[in-house]
Amino acid sequence: MDTPNKTPIYNLVILDKSGSMESIRTEAINGYNETLASIKATQDEFAQTQEHFVSLAAFCNHGIDMIYDITPINEAEKLTREKYNPCCLTPLFDAIGSTVKDLQKKIADKPNAAVIVTIITDGQENASKEWNASTVCKLIEDCKEEGWSFSFIGAGEDVIKIATTISITNTMLWENTSKGTEKMFKTENRARRSFCCKLV
């Protein structure tokens, strides 16, 4: 439940868990846990004016695992190998469309809410059945009009092209290695804190 006079900030991380993520499974887990710590630190820093919640959606074509769903940041536990087990294909559009739409519905009655959506994938769309680039693009454009912030972090040369297709301009090329993964999460955490500072 939101606290009066505080801005509720919803941090949604959509994390690829397709089979190709297995090679950096440990790094992805550690990086996400650093992000969790960063959100907690931001909550502490702006405790008088902000209230942070976190949702973590790990996806592959076996489905979307909502490891957290609008969980108060101080109640969110660290990600573990048992909770994050990469396998199979990459239904990227289904993951984005369904999780963003679900969050949009759940906070529809919170006009002062701020939302930060971070999409992390090391591959391209190859398995979606319910959403496509056009429908995801329209959804994201609607959310951006409501003030939502989106960032797309991807591996490979087509990162900007894929992100642009779904109306995301804040992109980052991710080198899918141990060092690259560590650098990616640190950069994302700095951007997240910068966004929160602007809300003060």
N, C-alpha and C. Protein backbone atom coordinates (compact mmCIF):
# COMPACT_ATOMS: atom_id res chain seq x y z
N MET A 1 0.84 -1.19 0.00
CA MET A 1 0.00 0.00 0.00
C MET A 1 0.88 1.25 0.00
N ASP A 2 0.49 2.24 -0.81
CA ASP A 2 1.27 3.46 -0.90
C ASP A 2 1.15 4.30 0.35
N THR A 3 2.21 5.05 0.66
CA THR A 3 2.21 5.95 1.79
C THR A 3 1.83 7.34 1.32
N PRO A 4 0.87 8.01 1.97
CA PRO A 4 0.48 9.36 1.57
C PRO A 4 1.68 10.30 1.54
N ASN A 5 1.67 11.24 0.60
CA ASN A 5 2.71 12.27 0.46
C ASN A 5 4.04 11.74 -0.05
N LYS A 6 4.07 10.47 -0.45
CA LYS A 6 5.28 9.92 -1.06
C LYS A 6 4.96 9.48 -2.49
N THR A 7 5.93 9.66 -3.37
CA THR A 7 5.76 9.23 -4.76
C THR A 7 6.04 7.74 -4.85
N PRO A 8 5.05 6.93 -5.27
CA PRO A 8 5.32 5.50 -5.45
C PRO A 8 6.10 5.30 -6.74
N ILE A 9 7.20 4.59 -6.67
CA ILE A 9 8.02 4.32 -7.85
C ILE A 9 8.06 2.82 -8.08
N TYR A 10 7.60 2.43 -9.26
CA TYR A 10 7.51 1.01 -9.61
C TYR A 10 8.66 0.66 -10.55
N ASN A 11 9.54 -0.20 -10.08
CA ASN A 11 10.70 -0.65 -10.85
C ASN A 11 10.38 -2.02 -11.44
N LEU A 12 10.16 -2.07 -12.76
CA LEU A 12 9.87 -3.33 -13.44
C LEU A 12 11.09 -3.75 -14.26
N VAL A 13 11.65 -4.90 -13.93
CA VAL A 13 12.78 -5.45 -14.68
C VAL A 13 12.29 -6.69 -15.43
N ILE A 14 12.43 -6.66 -16.76
CA ILE A 14 12.04 -7.78 -17.61
C ILE A 14 13.33 -8.45 -18.07
N LEU A 15 13.63 -9.60 -17.50
CA LEU A 15 14.94 -10.25 -17.67
C LEU A 15 14.84 -11.53 -18.48
N ASP A 16 15.55 -11.56 -19.57
CA ASP A 16 15.63 -12.74 -20.44
C ASP A 16 16.20 -13.93 -19.66
N LYS A 17 15.53 -15.08 -19.75
CA LYS A 17 16.12 -16.30 -19.20
C LYS A 17 16.10 -17.41 -20.25
N SER A 18 16.30 -17.02 -21.50
CA SER A 18 16.41 -18.00 -22.57
C SER A 18 17.73 -18.76 -22.42
N GLY A 19 17.87 -19.84 -23.17
CA GLY A 19 19.02 -20.73 -23.00
C GLY A 19 20.37 -20.08 -23.15
N SER A 20 20.46 -19.06 -24.00
CA SER A 20 21.76 -18.42 -24.23
C SER A 20 22.25 -17.64 -23.01
N MET A 21 21.36 -17.39 -22.05
CA MET A 21 21.77 -16.68 -20.83
C MET A 21 22.51 -17.59 -19.86
N GLU A 22 22.51 -18.88 -20.11
CA GLU A 22 23.15 -19.83 -19.20
C GLU A 22 24.64 -19.53 -19.01
N SER A 23 25.29 -19.08 -20.07
CA SER A 23 26.74 -18.84 -19.99
C SER A 23 27.09 -17.68 -19.07
N ILE A 24 26.12 -16.79 -18.80
CA ILE A 24 26.37 -15.67 -17.88
C ILE A 24 25.33 -15.69 -16.75
N ARG A 25 24.87 -16.87 -16.43
CA ARG A 25 23.83 -17.00 -15.40
C ARG A 25 24.27 -16.37 -14.08
N THR A 26 25.46 -16.70 -13.61
CA THR A 26 25.96 -16.16 -12.35
C THR A 26 26.08 -14.65 -12.40
N GLU A 27 26.61 -14.13 -13.51
CA GLU A 27 26.79 -12.69 -13.66
C GLU A 27 25.44 -11.97 -13.69
N ALA A 28 24.45 -12.57 -14.37
CA ALA A 28 23.11 -11.96 -14.43
C ALA A 28 22.48 -11.90 -13.04
N ILE A 29 22.65 -12.97 -12.28
CA ILE A 29 22.11 -13.01 -10.92
C ILE A 29 22.79 -11.96 -10.03
N ASN A 30 24.11 -11.94 -10.09
CA ASN A 30 24.85 -10.97 -9.28
C ASN A 30 24.51 -9.54 -9.68
N GLY A 31 24.40 -9.31 -10.99
CA GLY A 31 24.09 -7.98 -11.48
C GLY A 31 22.71 -7.53 -11.05
N TYR A 32 21.73 -8.45 -11.14
CA TYR A 32 20.38 -8.08 -10.70
C TYR A 32 20.38 -7.78 -9.20
N ASN A 33 21.10 -8.56 -8.42
CA ASN A 33 21.15 -8.32 -6.99
C ASN A 33 21.80 -6.97 -6.66
N GLU A 34 22.74 -6.55 -7.49
CA GLU A 34 23.32 -5.22 -7.33
C GLU A 34 22.27 -4.15 -7.62
N THR A 35 21.44 -4.42 -8.62
CA THR A 35 20.35 -3.50 -8.95
C THR A 35 19.39 -3.40 -7.77
N LEU A 36 19.07 -4.53 -7.17
CA LEU A 36 18.20 -4.55 -6.01
C LEU A 36 18.79 -3.71 -4.89
N ALA A 37 20.08 -3.86 -4.66
CA ALA A 37 20.75 -3.09 -3.61
C ALA A 37 20.74 -1.60 -3.95
N SER A 38 20.87 -1.30 -5.23
CA SER A 38 20.86 0.09 -5.67
C SER A 38 19.49 0.73 -5.44
N ILE A 39 18.43 -0.02 -5.72
CA ILE A 39 17.08 0.49 -5.49
C ILE A 39 16.86 0.71 -3.99
N LYS A 40 17.35 -0.22 -3.18
CA LYS A 40 17.21 -0.08 -1.72
C LYS A 40 17.96 1.16 -1.23
N ALA A 41 19.13 1.40 -1.79
CA ALA A 41 19.92 2.57 -1.40
C ALA A 41 19.20 3.86 -1.80
N THR A 42 18.57 3.84 -2.97
CA THR A 42 17.81 5.01 -3.42
C THR A 42 16.61 5.24 -2.52
N GLN A 43 15.95 4.15 -2.12
CA GLN A 43 14.82 4.25 -1.18
C GLN A 43 15.28 4.90 0.13
N ASP A 44 16.42 4.47 0.63
CA ASP A 44 16.94 5.04 1.88
C ASP A 44 17.28 6.51 1.72
N GLU A 45 17.86 6.84 0.57
CA GLU A 45 18.29 8.22 0.33
C GLU A 45 17.09 9.17 0.24
N PHE A 46 16.02 8.71 -0.38
CA PHE A 46 14.85 9.56 -0.58
C PHE A 46 13.65 9.03 0.22
N ALA A 47 13.93 8.55 1.41
CA ALA A 47 12.89 7.91 2.24
C ALA A 47 11.73 8.84 2.57
N GLN A 48 11.97 10.14 2.61
CA GLN A 48 10.92 11.08 2.98
C GLN A 48 9.97 11.38 1.83
N THR A 49 10.41 11.10 0.59
CA THR A 49 9.59 11.53 -0.55
C THR A 49 9.23 10.40 -1.53
N GLN A 50 9.92 9.25 -1.43
CA GLN A 50 9.69 8.18 -2.40
C GLN A 50 9.44 6.85 -1.71
N GLU A 51 8.67 6.01 -2.39
CA GLU A 51 8.41 4.66 -1.91
C GLU A 51 8.58 3.70 -3.09
N HIS A 52 9.59 2.84 -3.02
CA HIS A 52 9.94 1.99 -4.15
C HIS A 52 9.35 0.58 -4.05
N PHE A 53 8.89 0.10 -5.21
CA PHE A 53 8.40 -1.26 -5.35
C PHE A 53 9.16 -1.90 -6.51
N VAL A 54 9.30 -3.22 -6.47
CA VAL A 54 10.03 -3.90 -7.53
C VAL A 54 9.23 -5.08 -8.06
N SER A 55 9.27 -5.23 -9.38
CA SER A 55 8.70 -6.40 -10.05
C SER A 55 9.79 -6.98 -10.93
N LEU A 56 9.99 -8.28 -10.84
CA LEU A 56 10.99 -8.96 -11.66
C LEU A 56 10.31 -10.05 -12.46
N ALA A 57 10.35 -9.90 -13.78
CA ALA A 57 9.75 -10.88 -14.69
C ALA A 57 10.87 -11.56 -15.47
N ALA A 58 11.11 -12.83 -15.19
CA ALA A 58 12.12 -13.61 -15.92
C ALA A 58 11.38 -14.45 -16.95
N PHE A 59 11.77 -14.35 -18.22
CA PHE A 59 10.96 -14.98 -19.26
C PHE A 59 11.75 -15.88 -20.21
N CYS A 60 11.06 -16.92 -20.66
CA CYS A 60 11.49 -17.77 -21.77
C CYS A 60 10.19 -18.31 -22.38
N ASN A 61 10.26 -19.18 -23.36
CA ASN A 61 9.00 -19.60 -23.97
C ASN A 61 8.25 -20.67 -23.18
N HIS A 62 8.74 -21.00 -21.98
CA HIS A 62 7.95 -21.81 -21.05
C HIS A 62 7.00 -20.93 -20.24
N GLY A 63 7.20 -19.61 -20.33
CA GLY A 63 6.32 -18.68 -19.63
C GLY A 63 7.10 -17.56 -18.97
N ILE A 64 6.35 -16.74 -18.25
CA ILE A 64 6.93 -15.61 -17.54
C ILE A 64 6.85 -15.89 -16.04
N ASP A 65 8.00 -15.88 -15.40
CA ASP A 65 8.07 -16.13 -13.97
C ASP A 65 8.13 -14.79 -13.23
N MET A 66 7.03 -14.40 -12.59
CA MET A 66 7.01 -13.16 -11.82
C MET A 66 7.63 -13.45 -10.45
N ILE A 67 8.94 -13.29 -10.39
CA ILE A 67 9.67 -13.58 -9.16
C ILE A 67 9.28 -12.61 -8.05
N TYR A 68 9.06 -11.35 -8.42
CA TYR A 68 8.45 -10.36 -7.53
C TYR A 68 7.35 -9.67 -8.32
N ASP A 69 6.33 -9.20 -7.64
CA ASP A 69 5.27 -8.48 -8.33
C ASP A 69 4.78 -7.34 -7.44
N ILE A 70 5.27 -6.14 -7.75
CA ILE A 70 4.98 -4.94 -6.96
C ILE A 70 5.27 -5.20 -5.48
N THR A 71 6.46 -5.68 -5.23
CA THR A 71 6.90 -5.99 -3.87
C THR A 71 7.62 -4.78 -3.27
N PRO A 72 7.28 -4.36 -2.06
CA PRO A 72 8.04 -3.28 -1.43
C PRO A 72 9.53 -3.63 -1.43
N ILE A 73 10.36 -2.69 -1.77
CA ILE A 73 11.77 -2.98 -2.00
C ILE A 73 12.44 -3.63 -0.79
N ASN A 74 12.04 -3.24 0.40
CA ASN A 74 12.67 -3.81 1.59
C ASN A 74 12.22 -5.24 1.89
N GLU A 75 11.23 -5.73 1.13
CA GLU A 75 10.77 -7.10 1.29
C GLU A 75 11.26 -8.01 0.16
N ALA A 76 11.91 -7.43 -0.83
CA ALA A 76 12.38 -8.20 -1.99
C ALA A 76 13.67 -8.94 -1.64
N GLU A 77 13.67 -10.25 -1.82
CA GLU A 77 14.84 -11.06 -1.53
C GLU A 77 15.76 -11.13 -2.75
N LYS A 78 16.99 -11.49 -2.51
CA LYS A 78 17.95 -11.60 -3.60
C LYS A 78 17.57 -12.71 -4.58
N LEU A 79 17.96 -12.52 -5.83
CA LEU A 79 17.75 -13.54 -6.85
C LEU A 79 18.76 -14.67 -6.63
N THR A 80 18.32 -15.91 -6.81
CA THR A 80 19.19 -17.07 -6.62
C THR A 80 19.20 -17.94 -7.87
N ARG A 81 20.13 -18.87 -7.92
CA ARG A 81 20.20 -19.80 -9.05
C ARG A 81 18.94 -20.67 -9.12
N GLU A 82 18.35 -20.95 -7.99
CA GLU A 82 17.14 -21.77 -7.98
C GLU A 82 15.97 -21.02 -8.62
N LYS A 83 15.96 -19.70 -8.47
CA LYS A 83 14.86 -18.90 -9.02
C LYS A 83 15.10 -18.48 -10.48
N TYR A 84 16.35 -18.56 -10.92
CA TYR A 84 16.69 -18.10 -12.27
C TYR A 84 17.43 -19.22 -13.01
N ASN A 85 16.69 -19.93 -13.84
CA ASN A 85 17.22 -21.11 -14.53
C ASN A 85 17.00 -20.98 -16.04
N PRO A 86 17.96 -20.44 -16.79
CA PRO A 86 17.79 -20.19 -18.22
C PRO A 86 17.51 -21.46 -19.02
N CYS A 87 16.65 -21.31 -20.04
CA CYS A 87 16.35 -22.42 -20.94
C CYS A 87 15.62 -21.89 -22.17
N CYS A 88 15.58 -22.65 -23.21
CA CYS A 88 14.77 -22.48 -24.42
C CYS A 88 14.84 -21.13 -25.13
N LEU A 89 13.70 -20.63 -25.65
CA LEU A 89 13.67 -19.53 -26.62
C LEU A 89 13.33 -18.17 -26.00
N THR A 90 13.15 -17.15 -26.88
CA THR A 90 13.03 -15.76 -26.45
C THR A 90 11.73 -15.10 -26.94
N PRO A 91 10.62 -15.24 -26.21
CA PRO A 91 9.37 -14.56 -26.58
C PRO A 91 9.38 -13.11 -26.05
N LEU A 92 10.24 -12.30 -26.62
CA LEU A 92 10.48 -10.95 -26.12
C LEU A 92 9.22 -10.09 -26.11
N PHE A 93 8.49 -10.07 -27.22
CA PHE A 93 7.31 -9.21 -27.31
C PHE A 93 6.22 -9.64 -26.32
N ASP A 94 6.02 -10.94 -26.18
CA ASP A 94 5.04 -11.43 -25.21
C ASP A 94 5.41 -11.01 -23.79
N ALA A 95 6.68 -11.10 -23.47
CA ALA A 95 7.14 -10.74 -22.13
C ALA A 95 6.92 -9.26 -21.85
N ILE A 96 7.31 -8.42 -22.80
CA ILE A 96 7.13 -6.98 -22.61
C ILE A 96 5.65 -6.62 -22.56
N GLY A 97 4.91 -7.08 -23.55
CA GLY A 97 3.51 -6.71 -23.64
C GLY A 97 2.70 -7.12 -22.42
N SER A 98 2.83 -8.36 -22.01
CA SER A 98 2.00 -8.85 -20.92
C SER A 98 2.37 -8.24 -19.57
N THR A 99 3.66 -8.08 -19.30
CA THR A 99 4.06 -7.54 -17.99
C THR A 99 3.79 -6.04 -17.88
N VAL A 100 4.04 -5.31 -18.95
CA VAL A 100 3.77 -3.86 -18.93
C VAL A 100 2.26 -3.61 -18.83
N LYS A 101 1.48 -4.35 -19.61
CA LYS A 101 0.02 -4.18 -19.57
C LYS A 101 -0.52 -4.50 -18.18
N ASP A 102 0.00 -5.56 -17.57
CA ASP A 102 -0.46 -5.96 -16.24
C ASP A 102 -0.15 -4.88 -15.21
N LEU A 103 1.06 -4.33 -15.26
CA LEU A 103 1.42 -3.27 -14.31
C LEU A 103 0.58 -2.03 -14.55
N GLN A 104 0.34 -1.71 -15.81
CA GLN A 104 -0.47 -0.54 -16.15
C GLN A 104 -1.87 -0.65 -15.52
N LYS A 105 -2.44 -1.83 -15.59
CA LYS A 105 -3.77 -2.05 -15.00
C LYS A 105 -3.73 -1.93 -13.49
N LYS A 106 -2.70 -2.48 -12.88
CA LYS A 106 -2.63 -2.52 -11.41
C LYS A 106 -2.42 -1.15 -10.79
N ILE A 107 -1.79 -0.22 -11.51
CA ILE A 107 -1.53 1.10 -10.92
C ILE A 107 -2.36 2.19 -11.60
N ALA A 108 -3.41 1.80 -12.28
CA ALA A 108 -4.25 2.76 -13.01
C ALA A 108 -4.85 3.82 -12.10
N ASP A 109 -5.02 3.51 -10.83
CA ASP A 109 -5.62 4.45 -9.89
C ASP A 109 -4.58 5.25 -9.12
N LYS A 110 -3.34 5.26 -9.61
CA LYS A 110 -2.26 5.97 -8.92
C LYS A 110 -1.65 7.00 -9.88
N PRO A 111 -2.32 8.14 -10.04
CA PRO A 111 -1.87 9.14 -11.02
C PRO A 111 -0.51 9.76 -10.74
N ASN A 112 -0.04 9.70 -9.49
CA ASN A 112 1.26 10.29 -9.16
C ASN A 112 2.41 9.29 -9.23
N ALA A 113 2.12 8.08 -9.70
CA ALA A 113 3.15 7.04 -9.73
C ALA A 113 4.21 7.33 -10.80
N ALA A 114 5.43 6.88 -10.52
CA ALA A 114 6.51 6.91 -11.50
C ALA A 114 6.89 5.46 -11.80
N VAL A 115 7.19 5.17 -13.05
CA VAL A 115 7.50 3.80 -13.45
C VAL A 115 8.79 3.76 -14.24
N ILE A 116 9.66 2.84 -13.86
CA ILE A 116 10.92 2.61 -14.58
C ILE A 116 10.91 1.17 -15.08
N VAL A 117 10.91 1.00 -16.39
CA VAL A 117 10.91 -0.33 -17.00
C VAL A 117 12.26 -0.59 -17.64
N THR A 118 12.90 -1.67 -17.26
CA THR A 118 14.19 -2.05 -17.82
C THR A 118 14.07 -3.42 -18.47
N ILE A 119 14.40 -3.50 -19.75
CA ILE A 119 14.33 -4.75 -20.49
C ILE A 119 15.75 -5.21 -20.78
N ILE A 120 16.08 -6.43 -20.37
CA ILE A 120 17.43 -6.96 -20.55
C ILE A 120 17.35 -8.27 -21.33
N THR A 121 17.96 -8.31 -22.50
CA THR A 121 17.92 -9.53 -23.32
C THR A 121 19.21 -9.68 -24.11
N ASP A 122 19.64 -10.92 -24.27
CA ASP A 122 20.85 -11.16 -25.07
C ASP A 122 20.51 -11.73 -26.44
N GLY A 123 19.22 -11.73 -26.77
CA GLY A 123 18.82 -12.30 -28.05
C GLY A 123 17.67 -11.53 -28.68
N GLN A 124 17.27 -11.94 -29.87
CA GLN A 124 16.17 -11.31 -30.56
C GLN A 124 14.89 -12.10 -30.36
N GLU A 125 13.79 -11.43 -30.60
CA GLU A 125 12.47 -12.06 -30.57
C GLU A 125 12.44 -13.29 -31.47
N ASN A 126 11.94 -14.42 -30.92
CA ASN A 126 11.83 -15.61 -31.77
C ASN A 126 10.73 -16.58 -31.34
N ALA A 127 9.86 -16.14 -30.41
CA ALA A 127 8.88 -17.13 -29.93
C ALA A 127 7.55 -16.55 -29.46
N SER A 128 7.28 -15.26 -29.68
CA SER A 128 6.04 -14.67 -29.18
C SER A 128 4.83 -15.16 -29.97
N LYS A 129 3.69 -15.28 -29.27
CA LYS A 129 2.46 -15.76 -29.89
C LYS A 129 1.31 -14.77 -29.74
N GLU A 130 1.35 -13.92 -28.71
CA GLU A 130 0.22 -13.04 -28.44
C GLU A 130 0.50 -11.57 -28.78
N TRP A 131 1.75 -11.16 -28.73
CA TRP A 131 2.12 -9.77 -29.00
C TRP A 131 3.09 -9.71 -30.16
N ASN A 132 3.09 -8.57 -30.87
CA ASN A 132 4.07 -8.35 -31.94
C ASN A 132 4.65 -6.95 -31.79
N ALA A 133 5.56 -6.58 -32.66
CA ALA A 133 6.23 -5.28 -32.55
C ALA A 133 5.24 -4.12 -32.56
N SER A 134 4.23 -4.21 -33.40
CA SER A 134 3.25 -3.13 -33.53
C SER A 134 2.43 -2.93 -32.27
N THR A 135 1.93 -4.02 -31.70
CA THR A 135 1.09 -3.90 -30.50
C THR A 135 1.91 -3.50 -29.27
N VAL A 136 3.15 -3.99 -29.18
CA VAL A 136 4.02 -3.58 -28.08
C VAL A 136 4.38 -2.11 -28.21
N CYS A 137 4.65 -1.66 -29.43
CA CYS A 137 4.99 -0.26 -29.68
C CYS A 137 3.86 0.65 -29.22
N LYS A 138 2.63 0.31 -29.58
CA LYS A 138 1.48 1.14 -29.19
C LYS A 138 1.34 1.19 -27.68
N LEU A 139 1.52 0.07 -27.01
CA LEU A 139 1.43 0.02 -25.55
C LEU A 139 2.49 0.91 -24.91
N ILE A 140 3.71 0.80 -25.39
CA ILE A 140 4.81 1.59 -24.82
C ILE A 140 4.59 3.08 -25.06
N GLU A 141 4.11 3.44 -26.24
CA GLU A 141 3.83 4.85 -26.52
C GLU A 141 2.77 5.39 -25.58
N ASP A 142 1.75 4.60 -25.31
CA ASP A 142 0.71 5.02 -24.35
C ASP A 142 1.30 5.22 -22.97
N CYS A 143 2.15 4.30 -22.54
CA CYS A 143 2.76 4.40 -21.21
C CYS A 143 3.72 5.59 -21.13
N LYS A 144 4.45 5.86 -22.19
CA LYS A 144 5.36 7.00 -22.19
C LYS A 144 4.60 8.31 -22.06
N GLU A 145 3.40 8.36 -22.61
CA GLU A 145 2.56 9.55 -22.46
C GLU A 145 2.14 9.75 -21.01
N GLU A 146 2.13 8.66 -20.26
CA GLU A 146 1.81 8.73 -18.83
C GLU A 146 3.06 9.02 -17.98
N GLY A 147 4.21 9.16 -18.63
CA GLY A 147 5.44 9.50 -17.93
C GLY A 147 6.34 8.33 -17.59
N TRP A 148 6.01 7.14 -18.10
CA TRP A 148 6.85 5.98 -17.82
C TRP A 148 8.21 6.13 -18.50
N SER A 149 9.23 5.57 -17.86
CA SER A 149 10.58 5.55 -18.42
C SER A 149 10.93 4.13 -18.87
N PHE A 150 11.44 3.99 -20.10
CA PHE A 150 11.81 2.68 -20.63
C PHE A 150 13.27 2.67 -21.05
N SER A 151 13.96 1.58 -20.76
CA SER A 151 15.32 1.39 -21.28
C SER A 151 15.43 -0.04 -21.81
N PHE A 152 16.16 -0.17 -22.90
CA PHE A 152 16.33 -1.47 -23.56
C PHE A 152 17.81 -1.79 -23.59
N ILE A 153 18.18 -2.87 -22.94
CA ILE A 153 19.57 -3.29 -22.88
C ILE A 153 19.69 -4.62 -23.62
N GLY A 154 20.45 -4.63 -24.68
CA GLY A 154 20.53 -5.84 -25.48
C GLY A 154 21.92 -6.11 -26.01
N ALA A 155 22.13 -7.36 -26.41
CA ALA A 155 23.40 -7.77 -27.00
C ALA A 155 23.23 -7.86 -28.52
N GLY A 156 24.31 -7.63 -29.24
CA GLY A 156 24.25 -7.74 -30.69
C GLY A 156 24.13 -6.40 -31.38
N GLU A 157 24.31 -6.41 -32.69
CA GLU A 157 24.35 -5.17 -33.46
C GLU A 157 22.98 -4.55 -33.71
N ASP A 158 21.91 -5.31 -33.50
CA ASP A 158 20.56 -4.83 -33.84
C ASP A 158 19.82 -4.23 -32.65
N VAL A 159 20.53 -3.90 -31.58
CA VAL A 159 19.89 -3.41 -30.36
C VAL A 159 19.05 -2.16 -30.65
N ILE A 160 19.65 -1.17 -31.28
CA ILE A 160 18.94 0.08 -31.54
C ILE A 160 17.76 -0.15 -32.48
N LYS A 161 17.96 -0.98 -33.48
CA LYS A 161 16.89 -1.27 -34.44
C LYS A 161 15.70 -1.93 -33.75
N ILE A 162 15.97 -2.92 -32.91
CA ILE A 162 14.89 -3.63 -32.20
C ILE A 162 14.17 -2.68 -31.26
N ALA A 163 14.93 -1.89 -30.49
CA ALA A 163 14.33 -0.98 -29.53
C ALA A 163 13.50 0.10 -30.24
N THR A 164 14.01 0.63 -31.32
CA THR A 164 13.29 1.66 -32.06
C THR A 164 11.96 1.12 -32.59
N THR A 165 11.97 -0.14 -32.98
CA THR A 165 10.75 -0.77 -33.51
C THR A 165 9.62 -0.74 -32.49
N ILE A 166 9.97 -0.77 -31.21
CA ILE A 166 8.93 -0.76 -30.17
C ILE A 166 8.93 0.56 -29.39
N SER A 167 9.43 1.62 -30.02
CA SER A 167 9.35 2.98 -29.49
C SER A 167 10.18 3.23 -28.24
N ILE A 168 11.33 2.56 -28.13
CA ILE A 168 12.25 2.82 -27.02
C ILE A 168 13.52 3.44 -27.58
N THR A 169 13.85 4.63 -27.09
CA THR A 169 15.04 5.33 -27.59
C THR A 169 16.22 5.25 -26.62
N ASN A 170 15.94 4.92 -25.37
CA ASN A 170 17.01 4.79 -24.37
C ASN A 170 17.56 3.36 -24.45
N THR A 171 18.66 3.20 -25.15
CA THR A 171 19.21 1.87 -25.39
C THR A 171 20.65 1.77 -24.91
N MET A 172 21.07 0.53 -24.68
CA MET A 172 22.46 0.30 -24.32
C MET A 172 22.91 -1.03 -24.92
N LEU A 173 24.03 -1.00 -25.59
CA LEU A 173 24.61 -2.22 -26.15
C LEU A 173 25.34 -2.96 -25.04
N TRP A 174 25.01 -4.21 -24.91
CA TRP A 174 25.53 -5.03 -23.83
C TRP A 174 26.45 -6.10 -24.40
N GLU A 175 27.68 -6.08 -23.93
CA GLU A 175 28.63 -7.13 -24.32
C GLU A 175 28.38 -8.35 -23.44
N ASN A 176 27.93 -9.42 -24.05
CA ASN A 176 27.49 -10.61 -23.32
C ASN A 176 28.69 -11.43 -22.82
N THR A 177 29.41 -10.83 -21.87
CA THR A 177 30.54 -11.49 -21.21
C THR A 177 30.45 -11.16 -19.72
N SER A 178 31.29 -11.77 -18.93
CA SER A 178 31.28 -11.49 -17.49
C SER A 178 31.53 -10.01 -17.21
N LYS A 179 32.58 -9.45 -17.81
CA LYS A 179 32.90 -8.04 -17.60
C LYS A 179 31.84 -7.14 -18.20
N GLY A 180 31.33 -7.53 -19.37
CA GLY A 180 30.30 -6.73 -20.03
C GLY A 180 29.02 -6.69 -19.22
N THR A 181 28.66 -7.80 -18.61
CA THR A 181 27.45 -7.87 -17.80
C THR A 181 27.59 -7.00 -16.55
N GLU A 182 28.75 -7.06 -15.93
CA GLU A 182 29.00 -6.23 -14.75
C GLU A 182 28.90 -4.76 -15.10
N LYS A 183 29.50 -4.36 -16.22
CA LYS A 183 29.48 -2.97 -16.66
C LYS A 183 28.05 -2.53 -16.97
N MET A 184 27.29 -3.40 -17.61
CA MET A 184 25.92 -3.08 -18.00
C MET A 184 25.07 -2.76 -16.78
N PHE A 185 25.12 -3.61 -15.75
CA PHE A 185 24.29 -3.38 -14.57
C PHE A 185 24.71 -2.11 -13.82
N LYS A 186 26.00 -1.82 -13.77
CA LYS A 186 26.45 -0.60 -13.10
C LYS A 186 25.94 0.65 -13.84
N THR A 187 25.99 0.61 -15.17
CA THR A 187 25.49 1.74 -15.96
C THR A 187 23.99 1.92 -15.77
N GLU A 188 23.26 0.82 -15.77
CA GLU A 188 21.81 0.88 -15.57
C GLU A 188 21.46 1.42 -14.19
N ASN A 189 22.21 1.04 -13.18
CA ASN A 189 21.93 1.51 -11.82
C ASN A 189 22.15 3.02 -11.71
N ARG A 190 23.18 3.53 -12.39
CA ARG A 190 23.42 4.98 -12.37
C ARG A 190 22.27 5.73 -13.04
N ALA A 191 21.78 5.19 -14.15
CA ALA A 191 20.67 5.82 -14.86
C ALA A 191 19.40 5.80 -14.02
N ARG A 192 19.17 4.71 -13.31
CA ARG A 192 17.98 4.59 -12.46
C ARG A 192 18.02 5.64 -11.34
N ARG A 193 19.19 5.78 -10.70
CA ARG A 193 19.32 6.76 -9.63
C ARG A 193 19.12 8.17 -10.16
N SER A 194 19.64 8.45 -11.35
CA SER A 194 19.49 9.77 -11.95
C SER A 194 18.01 10.10 -12.16
N PHE A 195 17.26 9.12 -12.62
CA PHE A 195 15.82 9.30 -12.83
C PHE A 195 15.13 9.64 -11.51
N CYS A 196 15.48 8.92 -10.47
CA CYS A 196 14.86 9.13 -9.16
C CYS A 196 15.22 10.50 -8.57
N CYS A 197 16.45 10.95 -8.84
CA CYS A 197 16.87 12.26 -8.34
C CYS A 197 16.02 13.37 -8.95
N LYS A 198 15.60 13.18 -10.19
CA LYS A 198 14.80 14.21 -10.87
C LYS A 198 13.40 14.32 -10.28
N LEU A 199 12.97 13.30 -9.54
CA LEU A 199 11.63 13.29 -8.97
C LEU A 199 11.56 14.03 -7.63
N VAL A 200 12.72 14.35 -7.10
CA VAL A 200 12.76 15.00 -5.78
C VAL A 200 12.25 16.43 -5.88
